[in-house]
Amino acid sequence: MCVRCSRITDEPVVVSEVHSASGPGFTVYACSECAPLYPPVPDVFNLLGGMR
């Protein structure tokens, strides 16, 4: 289901990942029409930069 328009879609697009310290997180999805309205999901490896 799209987080923005609440439509059910057969082709959901990941627009966010919510992490939780007290349990499992969850993934937020949007339909293909609403997905461009969200910023891209950051790549964890790019966020870490040169850390090894």
C-alpha atoms as a PDB file:
ATOM      1  CA  MET A   1       0.000   0.000   0.000  1.00  0.00           C
ATOM      2  CA  CYS A   2       1.286   3.468  -0.882  1.00  0.00           C
ATOM      3  CA  VAL A   3       2.193   5.558   2.153  1.00  0.00           C
ATOM      4  CA  ARG A   4       1.055   8.758   0.417  1.00  0.00           C
ATOM      5  CA  CYS A   5      -2.169   7.952  -1.482  1.00  0.00           C
ATOM      6  CA  SER A   6      -3.078   4.637   0.248  1.00  0.00           C
ATOM      7  CA  ARG A   7      -3.572   2.825  -3.057  1.00  0.00           C
ATOM      8  CA  ILE A   8      -2.760  -0.867  -3.270  1.00  0.00           C
ATOM      9  CA  THR A   9      -0.036  -1.456  -5.871  1.00  0.00           C
ATOM     10  CA  ASP A  10       1.454  -4.560  -7.479  1.00  0.00           C
ATOM     11  CA  GLU A  11       4.765  -2.743  -7.970  1.00  0.00           C
ATOM     12  CA  PRO A  12       5.671  -1.000  -4.687  1.00  0.00           C
ATOM     13  CA  VAL A  13       8.751   1.230  -4.518  1.00  0.00           C
ATOM     14  CA  VAL A  14      10.822   1.473  -1.322  1.00  0.00           C
ATOM     15  CA  VAL A  15      10.868   5.120  -0.193  1.00  0.00           C
ATOM     16  CA  SER A  16      12.131   4.756   3.392  1.00  0.00           C
ATOM     17  CA  GLU A  17      13.399   2.292   5.968  1.00  0.00           C
ATOM     18  CA  VAL A  18      12.466   2.923   9.586  1.00  0.00           C
ATOM     19  CA  HIS A  19      14.815   1.460  12.194  1.00  0.00           C
ATOM     20  CA  SER A  20      13.874   0.766  15.788  1.00  0.00           C
ATOM     21  CA  ALA A  21      16.057   0.150  18.831  1.00  0.00           C
ATOM     22  CA  SER A  22      13.290  -1.724  20.647  1.00  0.00           C
ATOM     23  CA  GLY A  23      12.313  -4.199  17.920  1.00  0.00           C
ATOM     24  CA  PRO A  24      12.212  -4.817  14.212  1.00  0.00           C
ATOM     25  CA  GLY A  25      11.962  -1.836  11.921  1.00  0.00           C
ATOM     26  CA  PHE A  26       9.828  -1.624   8.818  1.00  0.00           C
ATOM     27  CA  THR A  27       9.990  -0.600   5.183  1.00  0.00           C
ATOM     28  CA  VAL A  28       7.829   2.213   3.774  1.00  0.00           C
ATOM     29  CA  TYR A  29       6.476   1.797   0.250  1.00  0.00           C
ATOM     30  CA  ALA A  30       4.888   4.090  -2.340  1.00  0.00           C
ATOM     31  CA  CYS A  31       3.235   3.516  -5.693  1.00  0.00           C
ATOM     32  CA  SER A  32       5.180   4.376  -8.845  1.00  0.00           C
ATOM     33  CA  GLU A  33       3.275   7.672  -9.234  1.00  0.00           C
ATOM     34  CA  CYS A  34       4.030   8.922  -5.685  1.00  0.00           C
ATOM     35  CA  ALA A  35       7.585   7.518  -5.343  1.00  0.00           C
ATOM     36  CA  PRO A  36       9.288  10.403  -7.234  1.00  0.00           C
ATOM     37  CA  LEU A  37       7.962  12.794  -4.564  1.00  0.00           C
ATOM     38  CA  TYR A  38      10.276  11.223  -1.969  1.00  0.00           C
ATOM     39  CA  PRO A  39      14.059  11.674  -1.742  1.00  0.00           C
ATOM     40  CA  PRO A  40      16.138   8.611  -2.688  1.00  0.00           C
ATOM     41  CA  VAL A  41      16.874   6.075   0.048  1.00  0.00           C
ATOM     42  CA  PRO A  42      20.526   6.622   1.065  1.00  0.00           C
ATOM     43  CA  ASP A  43      23.021   3.846   0.402  1.00  0.00           C
ATOM     44  CA  VAL A  44      24.530   2.779   3.726  1.00  0.00           C
ATOM     45  CA  PHE A  45      27.963   2.291   2.151  1.00  0.00           C
ATOM     46  CA  ASN A  46      27.972   5.886   0.872  1.00  0.00           C
ATOM     47  CA  LEU A  47      26.994   7.125   4.325  1.00  0.00           C
ATOM     48  CA  LEU A  48      29.915   5.279   5.890  1.00  0.00           C
ATOM     49  CA  GLY A  49      32.321   6.847   3.417  1.00  0.00           C
ATOM     50  CA  GLY A  50      35.861   5.683   4.062  1.00  0.00           C
ATOM     51  CA  MET A  51      35.135   3.890   7.345  1.00  0.00           C
ATOM     52  CA  ARG A  52      36.390   0.291   7.321  1.00  0.00           C
END
